[in-house]
Amino acid sequence: MSWTKVKEAAGYEVYRGDTRNGSYRLLKAVTTNACTNSGLKAGSKYYYKVQAYKTVNGKTANASTFSYTKTGLTKGQKYYFKVKAYKTTGTNEKVYSGWSNVRAVTIN
């Protein structure tokens, strides 16, 4: 699978779930905007979420240092965004925040 590259993203984390609104688990982290998922069962449905991340000075950006600009949006269209932050511990383990509230934005 592949997706549109996010400008300035250091990498992407791909999550997979068995239901659209259920829980998702981390499938893999990649540094390109594509990945392969093998071992799937024929006739089964899988749901994916991809999360881009950015590093700032070698660390995960926080709310006070991070901004995001999405280009190519359509005037009059409503878009929904939510974000999730993480930090890397000394043992390279990622510790995640919860998801932010959904933010609706209408392009004028």
PDB file of N, CA and C in Angstrom:
ATOM      1  N   MET A   1       0.845  -1.163   0.000  1.00  0.00           N
ATOM      2  CA  MET A   1       0.000   0.000   0.000  1.00  0.00           C
ATOM      3  C   MET A   1       0.888   1.222   0.000  1.00  0.00           C
ATOM      4  N   SER A   2       0.354   2.330  -0.466  1.00  0.00           N
ATOM      5  CA  SER A   2       1.103   3.580  -0.464  1.00  0.00           C
ATOM      6  C   SER A   2       0.123   4.717  -0.194  1.00  0.00           C
ATOM      7  N   TRP A   3       0.668   5.854   0.160  1.00  0.00           N
ATOM      8  CA  TRP A   3      -0.138   7.017   0.497  1.00  0.00           C
ATOM      9  C   TRP A   3       0.626   8.260   0.085  1.00  0.00           C
ATOM     10  N   THR A   4      -0.046   9.397   0.122  1.00  0.00           N
ATOM     11  CA  THR A   4       0.571  10.656  -0.246  1.00  0.00           C
ATOM     12  C   THR A   4       1.633  11.026   0.785  1.00  0.00           C
ATOM     13  N   LYS A   5       2.791  11.377   0.308  1.00  0.00           N
ATOM     14  CA  LYS A   5       3.897  11.741   1.188  1.00  0.00           C
ATOM     15  C   LYS A   5       3.566  13.037   1.928  1.00  0.00           C
ATOM     16  N   VAL A   6       3.881  13.074   3.207  1.00  0.00           N
ATOM     17  CA  VAL A   6       3.679  14.267   4.024  1.00  0.00           C
ATOM     18  C   VAL A   6       4.985  15.045   4.044  1.00  0.00           C
ATOM     19  N   LYS A   7       4.915  16.296   3.642  1.00  0.00           N
ATOM     20  CA  LYS A   7       6.104  17.142   3.606  1.00  0.00           C
ATOM     21  C   LYS A   7       6.732  17.200   4.999  1.00  0.00           C
ATOM     22  N   GLU A   8       8.030  17.040   5.070  1.00  0.00           N
ATOM     23  CA  GLU A   8       8.820  17.116   6.298  1.00  0.00           C
ATOM     24  C   GLU A   8       8.600  15.953   7.264  1.00  0.00           C
ATOM     25  N   ALA A   9       7.907  14.920   6.863  1.00  0.00           N
ATOM     26  CA  ALA A   9       7.731  13.756   7.747  1.00  0.00           C
ATOM     27  C   ALA A   9       9.043  12.990   7.816  1.00  0.00           C
ATOM     28  N   ALA A  10       9.427  12.600   9.029  1.00  0.00           N
ATOM     29  CA  ALA A  10      10.628  11.775   9.208  1.00  0.00           C
ATOM     30  C   ALA A  10      10.306  10.313   8.929  1.00  0.00           C
ATOM     31  N   GLY A  11       9.058   9.935   9.096  1.00  0.00           N
ATOM     32  CA  GLY A  11       8.641   8.562   8.863  1.00  0.00           C
ATOM     33  C   GLY A  11       7.160   8.407   9.095  1.00  0.00           C
ATOM     34  N   TYR A  12       6.695   7.167   9.005  1.00  0.00           N
ATOM     35  CA  TYR A  12       5.278   6.864   9.141  1.00  0.00           C
ATOM     36  C   TYR A  12       5.115   5.613   9.987  1.00  0.00           C
ATOM     37  N   GLU A  13       4.052   5.568  10.758  1.00  0.00           N
ATOM     38  CA  GLU A  13       3.695   4.366  11.494  1.00  0.00           C
ATOM     39  C   GLU A  13       2.380   3.857  10.934  1.00  0.00           C
ATOM     40  N   VAL A  14       2.363   2.599  10.573  1.00  0.00           N
ATOM     41  CA  VAL A  14       1.195   1.986   9.954  1.00  0.00           C
ATOM     42  C   VAL A  14       0.508   1.106  10.999  1.00  0.00           C
ATOM     43  N   TYR A  15      -0.776   1.341  11.205  1.00  0.00           N
ATOM     44  CA  TYR A  15      -1.574   0.595  12.178  1.00  0.00           C
ATOM     45  C   TYR A  15      -2.614  -0.226  11.434  1.00  0.00           C
ATOM     46  N   ARG A  16      -2.956  -1.390  11.981  1.00  0.00           N
ATOM     47  CA  ARG A  16      -3.980  -2.234  11.372  1.00  0.00           C
ATOM     48  C   ARG A  16      -4.988  -2.661  12.419  1.00  0.00           C
ATOM     49  N   GLY A  17      -6.262  -2.680  12.014  1.00  0.00           N
ATOM     50  CA  GLY A  17      -7.337  -3.135  12.881  1.00  0.00           C
ATOM     51  C   GLY A  17      -8.259  -4.073  12.126  1.00  0.00           C
ATOM     52  N   ASP A  18      -9.079  -4.785  12.873  1.00  0.00           N
ATOM     53  CA  ASP A  18     -10.033  -5.710  12.265  1.00  0.00           C
ATOM     54  C   ASP A  18     -11.405  -5.076  12.039  1.00  0.00           C
ATOM     55  N   THR A  19     -11.666  -3.957  12.722  1.00  0.00           N
ATOM     56  CA  THR A  19     -12.913  -3.210  12.544  1.00  0.00           C
ATOM     57  C   THR A  19     -12.574  -1.735  12.383  1.00  0.00           C
ATOM     58  N   ARG A  20     -13.423  -1.017  11.697  1.00  0.00           N
ATOM     59  CA  ARG A  20     -13.164   0.396  11.417  1.00  0.00           C
ATOM     60  C   ARG A  20     -13.037   1.225  12.697  1.00  0.00           C
ATOM     61  N   ASN A  21     -13.907   1.013  13.650  1.00  0.00           N
ATOM     62  CA  ASN A  21     -13.901   1.833  14.865  1.00  0.00           C
ATOM     63  C   ASN A  21     -13.307   1.125  16.076  1.00  0.00           C
ATOM     64  N   GLY A  22     -12.740  -0.042  15.862  1.00  0.00           N
ATOM     65  CA  GLY A  22     -12.130  -0.791  16.955  1.00  0.00           C
ATOM     66  C   GLY A  22     -10.712  -0.329  17.224  1.00  0.00           C
ATOM     67  N   SER A  23      -9.976  -1.140  17.952  1.00  0.00           N
ATOM     68  CA  SER A  23      -8.598  -0.785  18.262  1.00  0.00           C
ATOM     69  C   SER A  23      -7.683  -1.174  17.104  1.00  0.00           C
ATOM     70  N   TYR A  24      -6.609  -0.440  16.972  1.00  0.00           N
ATOM     71  CA  TYR A  24      -5.598  -0.677  15.954  1.00  0.00           C
ATOM     72  C   TYR A  24      -4.280  -0.969  16.667  1.00  0.00           C
ATOM     73  N   ARG A  25      -3.466  -1.833  16.060  1.00  0.00           N
ATOM     74  CA  ARG A  25      -2.153  -2.097  16.626  1.00  0.00           C
ATOM     75  C   ARG A  25      -1.094  -1.695  15.609  1.00  0.00           C
ATOM     76  N   LEU A  26       0.057  -1.311  16.125  1.00  0.00           N
ATOM     77  CA  LEU A  26       1.151  -0.905  15.252  1.00  0.00           C
ATOM     78  C   LEU A  26       1.602  -2.099  14.430  1.00  0.00           C
ATOM     79  N   LEU A  27       1.565  -1.951  13.130  1.00  0.00           N
ATOM     80  CA  LEU A  27       2.004  -3.003  12.222  1.00  0.00           C
ATOM     81  C   LEU A  27       3.500  -2.856  11.950  1.00  0.00           C
ATOM     82  N   LYS A  28       3.905  -1.650  11.547  1.00  0.00           N
ATOM     83  CA  LYS A  28       5.324  -1.384  11.321  1.00  0.00           C
ATOM     84  C   LYS A  28       5.563   0.107  11.170  1.00  0.00           C
ATOM     85  N   ALA A  29       6.797   0.502  11.384  1.00  0.00           N
ATOM     86  CA  ALA A  29       7.234   1.878  11.162  1.00  0.00           C
ATOM     87  C   ALA A  29       8.108   1.875   9.915  1.00  0.00           C
ATOM     88  N   VAL A  30       7.895   2.844   9.049  1.00  0.00           N
ATOM     89  CA  VAL A  30       8.641   2.922   7.797  1.00  0.00           C
ATOM     90  C   VAL A  30       9.100   4.360   7.580  1.00  0.00           C
ATOM     91  N   THR A  31      10.120   4.526   6.758  1.00  0.00           N
ATOM     92  CA  THR A  31      10.613   5.868   6.456  1.00  0.00           C
ATOM     93  C   THR A  31      10.197   6.345   5.076  1.00  0.00           C
ATOM     94  N   THR A  32       9.480   5.504   4.330  1.00  0.00           N
ATOM     95  CA  THR A  32       8.951   5.899   3.029  1.00  0.00           C
ATOM     96  C   THR A  32       7.431   5.884   3.105  1.00  0.00           C
ATOM     97  N   ASN A  33       6.776   6.374   2.074  1.00  0.00           N
ATOM     98  CA  ASN A  33       5.314   6.448   2.079  1.00  0.00           C
ATOM     99  C   ASN A  33       4.673   5.212   1.440  1.00  0.00           C
ATOM    100  N   ALA A  34       5.211   4.035   1.784  1.00  0.00           N
ATOM    101  CA  ALA A  34       4.658   2.775   1.293  1.00  0.00           C
ATOM    102  C   ALA A  34       5.091   1.639   2.213  1.00  0.00           C
ATOM    103  N   CYS A  35       4.279   0.587   2.272  1.00  0.00           N
ATOM    104  CA  CYS A  35       4.674  -0.618   3.004  1.00  0.00           C
ATOM    105  C   CYS A  35       3.880  -1.810   2.472  1.00  0.00           C
ATOM    106  N   THR A  36       4.372  -2.993   2.791  1.00  0.00           N
ATOM    107  CA  THR A  36       3.749  -4.246   2.381  1.00  0.00           C
ATOM    108  C   THR A  36       3.278  -4.977   3.626  1.00  0.00           C
ATOM    109  N   ASN A  37       2.092  -5.539   3.573  1.00  0.00           N
ATOM    110  CA  ASN A  37       1.555  -6.324   4.677  1.00  0.00           C
ATOM    111  C   ASN A  37       1.239  -7.716   4.138  1.00  0.00           C
ATOM    112  N   SER A  38       2.032  -8.697   4.538  1.00  0.00           N
ATOM    113  CA  SER A  38       1.834 -10.061   4.049  1.00  0.00           C
ATOM    114  C   SER A  38       1.116 -10.900   5.099  1.00  0.00           C
ATOM    115  N   GLY A  39       0.738 -12.099   4.721  1.00  0.00           N
ATOM    116  CA  GLY A  39       0.103 -13.028   5.643  1.00  0.00           C
ATOM    117  C   GLY A  39      -1.359 -12.736   5.915  1.00  0.00           C
ATOM    118  N   LEU A  40      -2.025 -12.042   5.019  1.00  0.00           N
ATOM    119  CA  LEU A  40      -3.435 -11.715   5.201  1.00  0.00           C
ATOM    120  C   LEU A  40      -4.301 -12.901   4.785  1.00  0.00           C
ATOM    121  N   LYS A  41      -5.469 -13.013   5.419  1.00  0.00           N
ATOM    122  CA  LYS A  41      -6.393 -14.105   5.118  1.00  0.00           C
ATOM    123  C   LYS A  41      -7.373 -13.681   4.024  1.00  0.00           C
ATOM    124  N   ALA A  42      -7.540 -14.520   3.029  1.00  0.00           N
ATOM    125  CA  ALA A  42      -8.480 -14.249   1.941  1.00  0.00           C
ATOM    126  C   ALA A  42      -9.893 -14.116   2.513  1.00  0.00           C
ATOM    127  N   GLY A  43     -10.636 -13.143   2.041  1.00  0.00           N
ATOM    128  CA  GLY A  43     -12.008 -12.936   2.471  1.00  0.00           C
ATOM    129  C   GLY A  43     -12.139 -12.122   3.744  1.00  0.00           C
ATOM    130  N   SER A  44     -11.035 -11.756   4.371  1.00  0.00           N
ATOM    131  CA  SER A  44     -11.071 -10.947   5.597  1.00  0.00           C
ATOM    132  C   SER A  44     -10.919  -9.482   5.245  1.00  0.00           C
ATOM    133  N   LYS A  45     -11.522  -8.617   6.078  1.00  0.00           N
ATOM    134  CA  LYS A  45     -11.384  -7.181   5.907  1.00  0.00           C
ATOM    135  C   LYS A  45     -10.356  -6.680   6.905  1.00  0.00           C
ATOM    136  N   TYR A  46      -9.514  -5.762   6.448  1.00  0.00           N
ATOM    137  CA  TYR A  46      -8.526  -5.136   7.316  1.00  0.00           C
ATOM    138  C   TYR A  46      -8.643  -3.628   7.148  1.00  0.00           C
ATOM    139  N   TYR A  47      -8.414  -2.915   8.227  1.00  0.00           N
ATOM    140  CA  TYR A  47      -8.483  -1.462   8.226  1.00  0.00           C
ATOM    141  C   TYR A  47      -7.120  -0.917   8.639  1.00  0.00           C
ATOM    142  N   TYR A  48      -6.695   0.144   7.978  1.00  0.00           N
ATOM    143  CA  TYR A  48      -5.371   0.700   8.224  1.00  0.00           C
ATOM    144  C   TYR A  48      -5.457   2.180   8.545  1.00  0.00           C
ATOM    145  N   LYS A  49      -4.548   2.627   9.380  1.00  0.00           N
ATOM    146  CA  LYS A  49      -4.345   4.044   9.651  1.00  0.00           C
ATOM    147  C   LYS A  49      -2.853   4.297   9.507  1.00  0.00           C
ATOM    148  N   VAL A  50      -2.503   5.418   8.934  1.00  0.00           N
ATOM    149  CA  VAL A  50      -1.101   5.779   8.787  1.00  0.00           C
ATOM    150  C   VAL A  50      -0.890   7.099   9.503  1.00  0.00           C
ATOM    151  N   GLN A  51       0.136   7.123  10.313  1.00  0.00           N
ATOM    152  CA  GLN A  51       0.449   8.321  11.095  1.00  0.00           C
ATOM    153  C   GLN A  51       1.844   8.797  10.725  1.00  0.00           C
ATOM    154  N   ALA A  52       1.940  10.022  10.236  1.00  0.00           N
ATOM    155  CA  ALA A  52       3.245  10.608   9.930  1.00  0.00           C
ATOM    156  C   ALA A  52       3.820  11.188  11.212  1.00  0.00           C
ATOM    157  N   TYR A  53       5.136  11.182  11.309  1.00  0.00           N
ATOM    158  CA  TYR A  53       5.768  11.845  12.442  1.00  0.00           C
ATOM    159  C   TYR A  53       6.945  12.669  11.961  1.00  0.00           C
ATOM    160  N   LYS A  54       7.309  13.621  12.789  1.00  0.00           N
ATOM    161  CA  LYS A  54       8.377  14.553  12.471  1.00  0.00           C
ATOM    162  C   LYS A  54       9.284  14.648  13.675  1.00  0.00           C
ATOM    163  N   THR A  55      10.580  14.732  13.446  1.00  0.00           N
ATOM    164  CA  THR A  55      11.512  14.940  14.549  1.00  0.00           C
ATOM    165  C   THR A  55      12.048  16.360  14.471  1.00  0.00           C
ATOM    166  N   VAL A  56      12.256  16.952  15.641  1.00  0.00           N
ATOM    167  CA  VAL A  56      12.797  18.305  15.736  1.00  0.00           C
ATOM    168  C   VAL A  56      14.009  18.231  16.634  1.00  0.00           C
ATOM    169  N   ASN A  57      15.163  18.585  16.099  1.00  0.00           N
ATOM    170  CA  ASN A  57      16.420  18.508  16.858  1.00  0.00           C
ATOM    171  C   ASN A  57      16.614  17.124  17.474  1.00  0.00           C
ATOM    172  N   GLY A  58      16.282  16.083  16.721  1.00  0.00           N
ATOM    173  CA  GLY A  58      16.474  14.723  17.180  1.00  0.00           C
ATOM    174  C   GLY A  58      15.423  14.219  18.152  1.00  0.00           C
ATOM    175  N   LYS A  59      14.352  14.984  18.427  1.00  0.00           N
ATOM    176  CA  LYS A  59      13.315  14.602  19.390  1.00  0.00           C
ATOM    177  C   LYS A  59      11.930  14.705  18.702  1.00  0.00           C
ATOM    178  N   THR A  60      11.012  14.097  19.274  1.00  0.00           N
ATOM    179  CA  THR A  60       9.629  14.234  18.810  1.00  0.00           C
ATOM    180  C   THR A  60       9.095  15.610  19.160  1.00  0.00           C
ATOM    181  N   ALA A  61       8.454  16.276  18.148  1.00  0.00           N
ATOM    182  CA  ALA A  61       7.945  17.638  18.355  1.00  0.00           C
ATOM    183  C   ALA A  61       6.773  17.603  19.325  1.00  0.00           C
ATOM    184  N   ASN A  62       6.612  18.669  20.131  1.00  0.00           N
ATOM    185  CA  ASN A  62       5.454  18.758  21.020  1.00  0.00           C
ATOM    186  C   ASN A  62       4.555  19.893  20.561  1.00  0.00           C
ATOM    187  N   ALA A  63       3.466  20.095  21.269  1.00  0.00           N
ATOM    188  CA  ALA A  63       2.465  21.071  20.833  1.00  0.00           C
ATOM    189  C   ALA A  63       3.031  22.485  20.732  1.00  0.00           C
ATOM    190  N   SER A  64       4.026  22.809  21.550  1.00  0.00           N
ATOM    191  CA  SER A  64       4.559  24.168  21.505  1.00  0.00           C
ATOM    192  C   SER A  64       5.545  24.366  20.355  1.00  0.00           C
ATOM    193  N   THR A  65       6.023  23.296  19.730  1.00  0.00           N
ATOM    194  CA  THR A  65       6.997  23.441  18.653  1.00  0.00           C
ATOM    195  C   THR A  65       6.491  22.938  17.317  1.00  0.00           C
ATOM    196  N   PHE A  66       5.301  22.403  17.262  1.00  0.00           N
ATOM    197  CA  PHE A  66       4.838  21.747  16.055  1.00  0.00           C
ATOM    198  C   PHE A  66       3.699  22.506  15.407  1.00  0.00           C
ATOM    199  N   SER A  67       3.775  22.655  14.120  1.00  0.00           N
ATOM    200  CA  SER A  67       2.652  23.165  13.344  1.00  0.00           C
ATOM    201  C   SER A  67       2.568  22.311  12.089  1.00  0.00           C
ATOM    202  N   TYR A  68       1.414  22.300  11.487  1.00  0.00           N
ATOM    203  CA  TYR A  68       1.195  21.469  10.314  1.00  0.00           C
ATOM    204  C   TYR A  68       0.432  22.269   9.282  1.00  0.00           C
ATOM    205  N   THR A  69       0.885  22.222   8.057  1.00  0.00           N
ATOM    206  CA  THR A  69       0.204  22.884   6.958  1.00  0.00           C
ATOM    207  C   THR A  69      -0.141  21.840   5.913  1.00  0.00           C
ATOM    208  N   LYS A  70      -1.396  21.773   5.563  1.00  0.00           N
ATOM    209  CA  LYS A  70      -1.867  20.849   4.533  1.00  0.00           C
ATOM    210  C   LYS A  70      -2.219  21.663   3.311  1.00  0.00           C
ATOM    211  N   THR A  71      -1.594  21.367   2.191  1.00  0.00           N
ATOM    212  CA  THR A  71      -1.853  22.098   0.957  1.00  0.00           C
ATOM    213  C   THR A  71      -2.749  21.281   0.041  1.00  0.00           C
ATOM    214  N   GLY A  72      -3.262  21.927  -0.988  1.00  0.00           N
ATOM    215  CA  GLY A  72      -4.053  21.237  -1.998  1.00  0.00           C
ATOM    216  C   GLY A  72      -5.485  20.956  -1.581  1.00  0.00           C
ATOM    217  N   LEU A  73      -5.979  21.686  -0.585  1.00  0.00           N
ATOM    218  CA  LEU A  73      -7.351  21.460  -0.124  1.00  0.00           C
ATOM    219  C   LEU A  73      -8.335  22.243  -0.987  1.00  0.00           C
ATOM    220  N   THR A  74      -9.571  21.788  -1.015  1.00  0.00           N
ATOM    221  CA  THR A  74     -10.602  22.378  -1.864  1.00  0.00           C
ATOM    222  C   THR A  74     -11.408  23.416  -1.093  1.00  0.00           C
ATOM    223  N   LYS A  75     -11.566  24.591  -1.683  1.00  0.00           N
ATOM    224  CA  LYS A  75     -12.340  25.673  -1.089  1.00  0.00           C
ATOM    225  C   LYS A  75     -13.779  25.216  -0.851  1.00  0.00           C
ATOM    226  N   GLY A  76     -14.323  25.519   0.336  1.00  0.00           N
ATOM    227  CA  GLY A  76     -15.684  25.148   0.687  1.00  0.00           C
ATOM    228  C   GLY A  76     -15.806  23.749   1.271  1.00  0.00           C
ATOM    229  N   GLN A  77     -14.744  22.972   1.227  1.00  0.00           N
ATOM    230  CA  GLN A  77     -14.754  21.600   1.736  1.00  0.00           C
ATOM    231  C   GLN A  77     -14.381  21.589   3.218  1.00  0.00           C
ATOM    232  N   LYS A  78     -14.984  20.690   3.977  1.00  0.00           N
ATOM    233  CA  LYS A  78     -14.678  20.541   5.399  1.00  0.00           C
ATOM    234  C   LYS A  78     -13.735  19.358   5.578  1.00  0.00           C
ATOM    235  N   TYR A  79     -12.668  19.550   6.363  1.00  0.00           N
ATOM    236  CA  TYR A  79     -11.677  18.503   6.629  1.00  0.00           C
ATOM    237  C   TYR A  79     -11.573  18.284   8.130  1.00  0.00           C
ATOM    238  N   TYR A  80     -11.209  17.066   8.510  1.00  0.00           N
ATOM    239  CA  TYR A  80     -11.087  16.705   9.915  1.00  0.00           C
ATOM    240  C   TYR A  80      -9.655  16.223  10.186  1.00  0.00           C
ATOM    241  N   PHE A  81      -9.073  16.706  11.271  1.00  0.00           N
ATOM    242  CA  PHE A  81      -7.714  16.341  11.630  1.00  0.00           C
ATOM    243  C   PHE A  81      -7.647  15.951  13.095  1.00  0.00           C
ATOM    244  N   LYS A  82      -6.747  15.012  13.407  1.00  0.00           N
ATOM    245  CA  LYS A  82      -6.388  14.725  14.783  1.00  0.00           C
ATOM    246  C   LYS A  82      -4.939  14.260  14.780  1.00  0.00           C
ATOM    247  N   VAL A  83      -4.264  14.458  15.884  1.00  0.00           N
ATOM    248  CA  VAL A  83      -2.846  14.118  15.950  1.00  0.00           C
ATOM    249  C   VAL A  83      -2.540  13.323  17.207  1.00  0.00           C
ATOM    250  N   LYS A  84      -1.387  12.696  17.195  1.00  0.00           N
ATOM    251  CA  LYS A  84      -0.904  11.902  18.312  1.00  0.00           C
ATOM    252  C   LYS A  84       0.601  12.123  18.385  1.00  0.00           C
ATOM    253  N   ALA A  85       1.110  12.396  19.555  1.00  0.00           N
ATOM    254  CA  ALA A  85       2.546  12.625  19.718  1.00  0.00           C
ATOM    255  C   ALA A  85       3.188  11.425  20.399  1.00  0.00           C
ATOM    256  N   TYR A  86       4.486  11.306  20.241  1.00  0.00           N
ATOM    257  CA  TYR A  86       5.223  10.304  20.999  1.00  0.00           C
ATOM    258  C   TYR A  86       6.614  10.834  21.290  1.00  0.00           C
ATOM    259  N   LYS A  87       7.251  10.240  22.278  1.00  0.00           N
ATOM    260  CA  LYS A  87       8.649  10.548  22.549  1.00  0.00           C
ATOM    261  C   LYS A  87       9.392   9.224  22.631  1.00  0.00           C
ATOM    262  N   THR A  88      10.672   9.283  22.325  1.00  0.00           N
ATOM    263  CA  THR A  88      11.504   8.090  22.348  1.00  0.00           C
ATOM    264  C   THR A  88      12.314   8.089  23.632  1.00  0.00           C
ATOM    265  N   THR A  89      12.273   6.983  24.364  1.00  0.00           N
ATOM    266  CA  THR A  89      13.018   6.866  25.618  1.00  0.00           C
ATOM    267  C   THR A  89      14.482   6.540  25.316  1.00  0.00           C
ATOM    268  N   GLY A  90      15.287   6.475  26.356  1.00  0.00           N
ATOM    269  CA  GLY A  90      16.701   6.149  26.208  1.00  0.00           C
ATOM    270  C   GLY A  90      16.937   4.779  25.620  1.00  0.00           C
ATOM    271  N   THR A  91      15.945   3.877  25.699  1.00  0.00           N
ATOM    272  CA  THR A  91      16.073   2.533  25.119  1.00  0.00           C
ATOM    273  C   THR A  91      15.391   2.444  23.760  1.00  0.00           C
ATOM    274  N   ASN A  92      15.131   3.604  23.149  1.00  0.00           N
ATOM    275  CA  ASN A  92      14.480   3.700  21.829  1.00  0.00           C
ATOM    276  C   ASN A  92      13.061   3.154  21.812  1.00  0.00           C
ATOM    277  N   GLU A  93      12.418   3.081  22.957  1.00  0.00           N
ATOM    278  CA  GLU A  93      11.011   2.694  23.029  1.00  0.00           C
ATOM    279  C   GLU A  93      10.174   3.960  22.839  1.00  0.00           C
ATOM    280  N   LYS A  94       9.103   3.851  22.075  1.00  0.00           N
ATOM    281  CA  LYS A  94       8.236   5.003  21.833  1.00  0.00           C
ATOM    282  C   LYS A  94       7.108   5.020  22.853  1.00  0.00           C
ATOM    283  N   VAL A  95       6.913   6.165  23.486  1.00  0.00           N
ATOM    284  CA  VAL A  95       5.831   6.370  24.448  1.00  0.00           C
ATOM    285  C   VAL A  95       4.863   7.361  23.815  1.00  0.00           C
ATOM    286  N   TYR A  96       3.597   6.937  23.647  1.00  0.00           N
ATOM    287  CA  TYR A  96       2.616   7.720  22.897  1.00  0.00           C
ATOM    288  C   TYR A  96       1.669   8.498  23.801  1.00  0.00           C
ATOM    289  N   SER A  97       1.251   9.634  23.296  1.00  0.00           N
ATOM    290  CA  SER A  97       0.164  10.371  23.929  1.00  0.00           C
ATOM    291  C   SER A  97      -1.138   9.775  23.430  1.00  0.00           C
ATOM    292  N   GLY A  98      -2.241  10.238  23.978  1.00  0.00           N
ATOM    293  CA  GLY A  98      -3.538   9.872  23.420  1.00  0.00           C
ATOM    294  C   GLY A  98      -3.783  10.700  22.173  1.00  0.00           C
ATOM    295  N   TRP A  99      -4.804  10.338  21.422  1.00  0.00           N
ATOM    296  CA  TRP A  99      -5.165  11.126  20.242  1.00  0.00           C
ATOM    297  C   TRP A  99      -5.731  12.465  20.694  1.00  0.00           C
ATOM    298  N   SER A 100      -5.459  13.498  19.941  1.00  0.00           N
ATOM    299  CA  SER A 100      -6.053  14.804  20.210  1.00  0.00           C
ATOM    300  C   SER A 100      -7.531  14.744  19.871  1.00  0.00           C
ATOM    301  N   ASN A 101      -8.270  15.764  20.274  1.00  0.00           N
ATOM    302  CA  ASN A 101      -9.651  15.888  19.834  1.00  0.00           C
ATOM    303  C   ASN A 101      -9.657  16.157  18.337  1.00  0.00           C
ATOM    304  N   VAL A 102     -10.715  15.753  17.674  1.00  0.00           N
ATOM    305  CA  VAL A 102     -10.838  16.003  16.240  1.00  0.00           C
ATOM    306  C   VAL A 102     -11.063  17.489  16.032  1.00  0.00           C
ATOM    307  N   ARG A 103     -10.346  18.049  15.080  1.00  0.00           N
ATOM    308  CA  ARG A 103     -10.494  19.470  14.742  1.00  0.00           C
ATOM    309  C   ARG A 103     -11.062  19.553  13.338  1.00  0.00           C
ATOM    310  N   ALA A 104     -12.225  20.178  13.204  1.00  0.00           N
ATOM    311  CA  ALA A 104     -12.850  20.373  11.893  1.00  0.00           C
ATOM    312  C   ALA A 104     -12.431  21.728  11.347  1.00  0.00           C
ATOM    313  N   VAL A 105     -12.047  21.751  10.083  1.00  0.00           N
ATOM    314  CA  VAL A 105     -11.615  22.979   9.444  1.00  0.00           C
ATOM    315  C   VAL A 105     -12.319  23.079   8.104  1.00  0.00           C
ATOM    316  N   THR A 106     -12.957  24.221   7.846  1.00  0.00           N
ATOM    317  CA  THR A 106     -13.576  24.477   6.552  1.00  0.00           C
ATOM    318  C   THR A 106     -12.722  25.476   5.815  1.00  0.00           C
ATOM    319  N   ILE A 107     -12.369  25.159   4.593  1.00  0.00           N
ATOM    320  CA  ILE A 107     -11.516  26.025   3.776  1.00  0.00           C
ATOM    321  C   ILE A 107     -12.391  27.110   3.148  1.00  0.00           C
ATOM    322  N   ASN A 108     -12.043  28.356   3.439  1.00  0.00           N
ATOM    323  CA  ASN A 108     -12.794  29.513   2.901  1.00  0.00           C
ATOM    324  C   ASN A 108     -12.164  30.038   1.647  1.00  0.00           C
TER     325      ASN A 108
END
